[in-house]
C-alpha atoms as a PDB file:
ATOM      1  CA  MET A   1     -36.001  20.183  11.129  1.00  0.00           C
ATOM      2  CA  ALA A   2     -34.296  21.927  14.064  1.00  0.00           C
ATOM      3  CA  SER A   3     -31.335  19.543  13.754  1.00  0.00           C
ATOM      4  CA  GLN A   4     -30.912  20.475  10.099  1.00  0.00           C
ATOM      5  CA  ASP A   5     -31.053  24.188  10.982  1.00  0.00           C
ATOM      6  CA  LYS A   6     -28.356  23.678  13.633  1.00  0.00           C
ATOM      7  CA  GLY A   7     -26.237  21.799  11.094  1.00  0.00           C
ATOM      8  CA  GLU A   8     -26.552  24.619   8.561  1.00  0.00           C
ATOM      9  CA  GLU A   9     -25.773  27.227  11.211  1.00  0.00           C
ATOM     10  CA  HIS A  10     -22.741  25.192  12.314  1.00  0.00           C
ATOM     11  CA  TRP A  11     -21.435  24.953   8.755  1.00  0.00           C
ATOM     12  CA  GLN A  12     -22.000  28.655   8.044  1.00  0.00           C
ATOM     13  CA  ARG A  13     -20.209  29.744  11.210  1.00  0.00           C
ATOM     14  CA  THR A  14     -17.379  27.255  10.659  1.00  0.00           C
ATOM     15  CA  SER A  15     -16.980  28.381   7.040  1.00  0.00           C
ATOM     16  CA  ARG A  16     -16.847  32.032   8.093  1.00  0.00           C
ATOM     17  CA  LEU A  17     -14.190  31.214  10.717  1.00  0.00           C
ATOM     18  CA  MET A  18     -12.127  29.266   8.166  1.00  0.00           C
ATOM     19  CA  ILE A  19     -12.284  32.142   5.651  1.00  0.00           C
ATOM     20  CA  ILE A  20     -11.174  34.640   8.295  1.00  0.00           C
ATOM     21  CA  MET A  21      -8.287  32.420   9.409  1.00  0.00           C
ATOM     22  CA  LEU A  22      -7.230  31.709   5.823  1.00  0.00           C
ATOM     23  CA  SER A  23      -7.256  35.440   5.081  1.00  0.00           C
ATOM     24  CA  LEU A  24      -5.094  36.155   8.119  1.00  0.00           C
ATOM     25  CA  TRP A  25      -2.749  33.319   7.142  1.00  0.00           C
ATOM     26  CA  ALA A  26      -2.394  34.754   3.610  1.00  0.00           C
ATOM     27  CA  PHE A  27      -1.794  38.231   5.036  1.00  0.00           C
ATOM     28  CA  PHE A  28       0.996  37.100   7.384  1.00  0.00           C
ATOM     29  CA  SER A  29       2.455  34.660   4.825  1.00  0.00           C
ATOM     30  CA  PHE A  30       2.535  36.792   1.701  1.00  0.00           C
ATOM     31  CA  ILE A  31       1.371  40.386   2.109  1.00  0.00           C
ATOM     32  CA  VAL A  32       3.620  41.298   5.052  1.00  0.00           C
ATOM     33  CA  HIS A  33       6.649  39.721   3.362  1.00  0.00           C
ATOM     34  CA  PHE A  34       5.854  41.465   0.089  1.00  0.00           C
ATOM     35  CA  PHE A  35       6.252  44.834   1.830  1.00  0.00           C
ATOM     36  CA  VAL A  36       9.348  43.905   3.854  1.00  0.00           C
ATOM     37  CA  GLY A  37      11.418  46.650   2.208  1.00  0.00           C
ATOM     38  CA  GLY A  38       9.014  49.357   3.301  1.00  0.00           C
ATOM     39  CA  LEU A  39       8.653  47.897   6.782  1.00  0.00           C
ATOM     40  CA  ASN A  40      12.414  48.057   7.350  1.00  0.00           C
ATOM     41  CA  GLY A  41      12.097  51.808   7.958  1.00  0.00           C
ATOM     42  CA  VAL A  42      10.421  51.056  11.303  1.00  0.00           C
ATOM     43  CA  THR A  43      12.404  49.444  14.123  1.00  0.00           C
ATOM     44  CA  LEU A  44      11.123  47.053  16.794  1.00  0.00           C
ATOM     45  CA  LEU A  45      13.424  46.196  19.701  1.00  0.00           C
ATOM     46  CA  GLY A  46      16.355  47.518  17.684  1.00  0.00           C
ATOM     47  CA  PHE A  47      15.624  45.373  14.617  1.00  0.00           C
ATOM     48  CA  PRO A  48      14.023  46.514  11.367  1.00  0.00           C
ATOM     49  CA  LEU A  49      10.314  45.592  11.405  1.00  0.00           C
ATOM     50  CA  GLY A  50      10.598  43.813   8.043  1.00  0.00           C
ATOM     51  CA  PHE A  51      13.354  41.569   9.379  1.00  0.00           C
ATOM     52  CA  TYR A  52      11.413  40.936  12.595  1.00  0.00           C
ATOM     53  CA  MET A  53       8.220  39.977  10.729  1.00  0.00           C
ATOM     54  CA  ALA A  54      10.133  37.654   8.411  1.00  0.00           C
ATOM     55  CA  ALA A  55      12.105  35.988  11.218  1.00  0.00           C
ATOM     56  CA  GLN A  56       9.685  35.927  14.150  1.00  0.00           C
ATOM     57  CA  GLY A  57       6.513  37.951  13.715  1.00  0.00           C
ATOM     58  CA  SER A  58       4.711  35.721  11.244  1.00  0.00           C
ATOM     59  CA  LEU A  59       5.496  32.604  13.264  1.00  0.00           C
ATOM     60  CA  VAL A  60       4.131  34.197  16.426  1.00  0.00           C
ATOM     61  CA  ALA A  61       1.021  35.273  14.536  1.00  0.00           C
ATOM     62  CA  PHE A  62       0.477  31.687  13.288  1.00  0.00           C
ATOM     63  CA  VAL A  63       0.711  30.242  16.805  1.00  0.00           C
ATOM     64  CA  ILE A  64      -1.719  32.836  18.153  1.00  0.00           C
ATOM     65  CA  MET A  65      -4.058  32.087  15.241  1.00  0.00           C
ATOM     66  CA  LEU A  66      -4.031  28.373  16.151  1.00  0.00           C
ATOM     67  CA  PHE A  67      -5.168  29.068  19.704  1.00  0.00           C
ATOM     68  CA  VAL A  68      -7.807  31.584  18.575  1.00  0.00           C
ATOM     69  CA  PHE A  69      -9.128  29.146  15.958  1.00  0.00           C
ATOM     70  CA  ALA A  70      -9.349  26.266  18.451  1.00  0.00           C
ATOM     71  CA  LYS A  71     -11.210  28.390  21.009  1.00  0.00           C
ATOM     72  CA  ALA A  72     -13.588  29.873  18.426  1.00  0.00           C
ATOM     73  CA  GLN A  73     -14.318  26.477  16.848  1.00  0.00           C
ATOM     74  CA  ASP A  74     -14.996  24.966  20.265  1.00  0.00           C
ATOM     75  CA  LYS A  75     -17.490  27.775  20.989  1.00  0.00           C
ATOM     76  CA  ILE A  76     -19.208  27.176  17.640  1.00  0.00           C
ATOM     77  CA  ASP A  77     -19.388  23.434  18.340  1.00  0.00           C
ATOM     78  CA  ARG A  78     -20.838  23.985  21.809  1.00  0.00           C
ATOM     79  CA  ASP A  79     -23.388  26.557  20.602  1.00  0.00           C
ATOM     80  CA  CYS A  80     -24.576  24.195  17.870  1.00  0.00           C
ATOM     81  CA  GLY A  81     -24.637  21.112  20.091  1.00  0.00           C
ATOM     82  CA  VAL A  82     -21.932  19.087  18.334  1.00  0.00           C
ATOM     83  CA  ALA A  83     -19.098  19.504  20.853  1.00  0.00           C
ATOM     84  CA  GLU A  84     -17.155  16.519  22.120  1.00  0.00           C
ATOM     85  CA  GLU A  85     -17.774  16.154  25.830  1.00  0.00           C
ATOM     86  CA  ASP A  86     -14.926  15.678  28.299  1.00  0.00           C
ATOM     87  CA  GLU A  87     -14.826  12.213  29.782  1.00  0.00           C
END
């Protein structure tokens, strides 16, 4: 019974992490670019923020999200006892 509880906890935590990451992905993919015109009023390093987010910002956010997801998923796996052990 305890194994089934750990499996359910693992799935719930993994699902929550996936929903959060998918929401962030949608935000940086669509929402930020939808408001690019309004963001161009703000400058970052001499470039309009809308241009920066379209050219670089979203890509940087995606890479950071990958590392955060991998670390968080590894913690979930270890907490629930399903982590792959280093050989």
